[in-house]
Amino acid sequence: MLRVLTGSLIAAIVMFLIGFLAYGTPLMRLGYGQATDAVQLDVQTALKALPGTGTYVIPSGDSAATTAAFANGPVATINYNAGGFAMVDPQVMLTGFIHMFVTALLLGMTLWGVRGRVPDFPSRVRLVIGIALVAVVFINLSEPIWFHHDWRNALYVGAINFISLCAAGHILARWFVPAR
């Protein structure tokens, strides 16, 4: 099991690097819409009317007026942080890395649990690809399907998640989860 812990740490480092390439470089623009500085600042000013940190559906559909407004659009789901934080927050980097490590560890423990029944590397890779696809299809594609969020962002984030999970699983399956 020590090998799985070591492999999970290495897999998390690779996931972190993939995340940096996806979200810390201009590649990020592939998955997110752009607005002018003036529009961004106007929206930020309007957001200050919200009661506090949280996720808001605007309009909410809680009354006849907001239900009609929802049908007519525009509609937004807003993930709002009233306090703000640095664009490159070291605390977020640390907790994000821990999140990646825990994810890789869970994947490694899953592979460890089936190592006797799935002893060869190609079969383990197929299992990892299947797990990654299930996660991405269920989690990332649910937002455009259920909430009419944009497909561009869902597909971009889903692709990055798929690549990260497959990379982590490949590392674990190849070098750190021995056959029984």
Protein backbone atom coordinates (compact mmCIF):
# COMPACT_ATOMS: atom_id res chain seq x y z
CA MET A 1 0.00 0.00 0.00
CA LEU A 2 3.03 2.29 0.45
CA ARG A 3 3.49 2.05 -3.32
CA VAL A 4 -0.05 3.35 -3.83
CA LEU A 5 0.66 6.32 -1.54
CA THR A 6 3.88 7.11 -3.42
CA GLY A 7 2.17 6.66 -6.77
CA SER A 8 -0.71 8.87 -5.69
CA LEU A 9 1.71 11.64 -4.78
CA ILE A 10 3.41 11.41 -8.19
CA ALA A 11 0.03 11.19 -9.94
CA ALA A 12 -1.15 14.30 -8.05
CA ILE A 13 1.94 16.20 -9.20
CA VAL A 14 1.15 15.28 -12.81
CA MET A 15 -2.50 16.27 -12.31
CA PHE A 16 -1.35 19.60 -10.86
CA LEU A 17 0.85 20.24 -13.90
CA ILE A 18 -2.03 19.40 -16.25
CA GLY A 19 -4.21 21.80 -14.26
CA PHE A 20 -1.58 24.52 -14.58
CA LEU A 21 -1.44 24.06 -18.36
CA ALA A 22 -5.24 24.12 -18.59
CA TYR A 23 -5.99 26.98 -16.19
CA GLY A 24 -2.74 28.93 -15.77
CA THR A 25 -2.03 29.59 -19.43
CA PRO A 26 -3.95 31.16 -22.32
CA LEU A 27 -5.41 27.69 -23.04
CA MET A 28 -8.00 28.57 -20.38
CA ARG A 29 -9.65 30.92 -22.89
CA LEU A 30 -10.78 27.86 -24.84
CA GLY A 31 -13.26 27.02 -22.09
CA TYR A 32 -14.43 30.39 -20.85
CA GLY A 33 -16.23 33.33 -22.40
CA GLN A 34 -14.62 36.75 -22.43
CA ALA A 35 -16.06 40.14 -21.53
CA THR A 36 -14.53 43.59 -21.77
CA ASP A 37 -13.05 45.16 -18.66
CA ALA A 38 -15.96 47.61 -18.48
CA VAL A 39 -18.54 44.81 -18.61
CA GLN A 40 -16.66 42.79 -15.99
CA LEU A 41 -16.54 45.75 -13.60
CA ASP A 42 -20.24 46.55 -14.19
CA VAL A 43 -21.21 42.96 -13.41
CA GLN A 44 -18.95 42.92 -10.35
CA THR A 45 -20.68 46.06 -9.07
CA ALA A 46 -24.10 44.46 -9.61
CA LEU A 47 -22.99 41.31 -7.76
CA LYS A 48 -22.43 43.33 -4.60
CA ALA A 49 -26.23 43.41 -4.22
CA LEU A 50 -26.23 39.67 -3.43
CA PRO A 51 -26.63 38.85 0.27
CA GLY A 52 -23.39 36.86 0.64
CA THR A 53 -21.13 34.11 -0.61
CA GLY A 54 -23.06 31.32 -2.32
CA THR A 55 -24.40 29.96 -5.58
CA TYR A 56 -27.32 31.85 -7.06
CA VAL A 57 -29.69 31.16 -9.93
CA ILE A 58 -30.72 34.53 -11.37
CA PRO A 59 -33.66 34.90 -11.79
CA SER A 60 -34.60 32.28 -9.22
CA GLY A 61 -38.08 31.28 -10.38
CA ASP A 62 -39.36 31.58 -6.79
CA SER A 63 -42.21 33.91 -7.75
CA ALA A 64 -44.41 34.56 -10.76
CA ALA A 65 -42.25 37.56 -11.72
CA THR A 66 -38.93 35.69 -11.52
CA THR A 67 -40.41 32.63 -13.27
CA ALA A 68 -41.45 34.84 -16.19
CA ALA A 69 -38.05 36.54 -16.17
CA PHE A 70 -36.37 33.12 -16.18
CA ALA A 71 -38.35 32.07 -19.26
CA ASN A 72 -37.49 35.31 -21.09
CA GLY A 73 -33.78 35.31 -20.15
CA PRO A 74 -31.05 36.07 -19.66
CA VAL A 75 -30.41 33.46 -16.97
CA ALA A 76 -27.24 32.98 -14.91
CA THR A 77 -25.93 30.60 -12.30
CA ILE A 78 -23.48 32.62 -10.25
CA ASN A 79 -20.80 31.15 -8.00
CA TYR A 80 -20.25 34.18 -5.81
CA ASN A 81 -17.52 34.91 -3.28
CA ALA A 82 -18.28 38.13 -1.44
CA GLY A 83 -14.78 38.47 -0.01
CA GLY A 84 -12.67 37.85 -3.07
CA PHE A 85 -9.22 36.29 -3.06
CA ALA A 86 -5.94 36.51 -4.95
CA MET A 87 -5.95 35.20 -8.53
CA VAL A 88 -3.07 32.88 -7.59
CA ASP A 89 -3.88 32.07 -3.97
CA PRO A 90 -1.25 29.81 -2.33
CA GLN A 91 -3.91 28.35 -0.01
CA VAL A 92 -6.02 27.33 -3.01
CA MET A 93 -2.94 25.76 -4.64
CA LEU A 94 -2.30 23.72 -1.48
CA THR A 95 -5.89 22.59 -0.95
CA GLY A 96 -6.22 21.91 -4.68
CA PHE A 97 -3.12 19.71 -4.59
CA ILE A 98 -4.50 17.84 -1.57
CA HIS A 99 -7.77 17.35 -3.50
CA MET A 100 -5.79 15.89 -6.42
CA PHE A 101 -3.80 13.64 -4.08
CA VAL A 102 -6.97 12.30 -2.43
CA THR A 103 -8.52 11.71 -5.87
CA ALA A 104 -5.40 9.86 -7.06
CA LEU A 105 -5.32 7.88 -3.81
CA LEU A 106 -8.95 6.79 -4.28
CA LEU A 107 -8.15 5.76 -7.84
CA GLY A 108 -5.05 3.90 -6.64
CA MET A 109 -7.03 2.11 -3.92
CA THR A 110 -9.61 1.10 -6.52
CA LEU A 111 -6.89 -0.34 -8.75
CA TRP A 112 -5.31 -2.03 -5.73
CA GLY A 113 -8.65 -3.62 -4.87
CA VAL A 114 -9.02 -5.23 -8.31
CA ARG A 115 -5.35 -6.05 -8.93
CA GLY A 116 -5.95 -9.81 -8.70
CA ARG A 117 -8.88 -9.75 -11.13
CA VAL A 118 -7.39 -7.12 -13.45
CA PRO A 119 -3.72 -8.10 -13.35
CA ASP A 120 -2.47 -6.82 -16.71
CA PHE A 121 -1.62 -3.23 -17.55
CA PRO A 122 -3.82 -2.82 -20.68
CA SER A 123 -6.89 -4.01 -18.76
CA ARG A 124 -6.13 -1.61 -15.92
CA VAL A 125 -5.82 1.27 -18.39
CA ARG A 126 -9.21 0.37 -19.88
CA LEU A 127 -10.67 0.36 -16.37
CA VAL A 128 -9.15 3.78 -15.64
CA ILE A 129 -10.52 5.18 -18.91
CA GLY A 130 -13.96 3.82 -18.01
CA ILE A 131 -13.85 5.35 -14.52
CA ALA A 132 -12.71 8.70 -15.94
CA LEU A 133 -15.45 8.68 -18.58
CA VAL A 134 -18.15 7.88 -16.03
CA ALA A 135 -16.96 10.72 -13.78
CA VAL A 136 -16.77 13.28 -16.59
CA VAL A 137 -20.05 12.35 -18.27
CA PHE A 138 -21.97 12.35 -14.99
CA ILE A 139 -20.40 15.41 -13.38
CA ASN A 140 -19.24 17.76 -16.13
CA LEU A 141 -21.94 17.12 -18.70
CA SER A 142 -24.76 17.41 -16.17
CA GLU A 143 -24.58 21.20 -16.11
CA PRO A 144 -25.33 21.85 -19.79
CA ILE A 145 -27.89 19.06 -19.85
CA TRP A 146 -29.81 19.93 -16.69
CA PHE A 147 -29.10 23.64 -16.22
CA HIS A 148 -28.54 24.85 -19.80
CA HIS A 149 -25.00 25.96 -18.99
CA ASP A 150 -22.71 26.38 -21.95
CA TRP A 151 -21.28 23.32 -23.65
CA ARG A 152 -17.96 25.01 -24.38
CA ASN A 153 -17.03 25.23 -20.70
CA ALA A 154 -18.43 21.80 -19.84
CA LEU A 155 -16.49 20.14 -22.65
CA TYR A 156 -13.27 22.01 -21.82
CA VAL A 157 -13.41 21.25 -18.09
CA GLY A 158 -14.56 17.70 -18.82
CA ALA A 159 -11.66 17.13 -21.22
CA ILE A 160 -9.15 18.42 -18.66
CA ASN A 161 -10.68 16.24 -15.94
CA PHE A 162 -10.62 13.21 -18.25
CA ILE A 163 -6.98 13.80 -19.18
CA SER A 164 -6.01 14.33 -15.52
CA LEU A 165 -7.78 11.20 -14.28
CA CYS A 166 -6.40 9.09 -17.13
CA ALA A 167 -2.86 10.37 -16.53
CA ALA A 168 -3.10 9.63 -12.80
CA GLY A 169 -4.60 6.21 -13.42
CA HIS A 170 -1.99 5.37 -16.06
CA ILE A 171 0.83 6.23 -13.65
CA LEU A 172 -0.72 4.19 -10.86
CA ALA A 173 -1.61 1.22 -13.07
CA ARG A 174 1.80 1.08 -14.72
CA TRP A 175 4.23 1.59 -11.87
CA PHE A 176 2.57 1.51 -8.47
CA VAL A 177 -0.13 -1.17 -8.32
CA PRO A 178 1.54 -4.54 -8.75
CA ALA A 179 -0.30 -7.64 -9.91
CA ARG A 180 -1.31 -9.84 -7.02
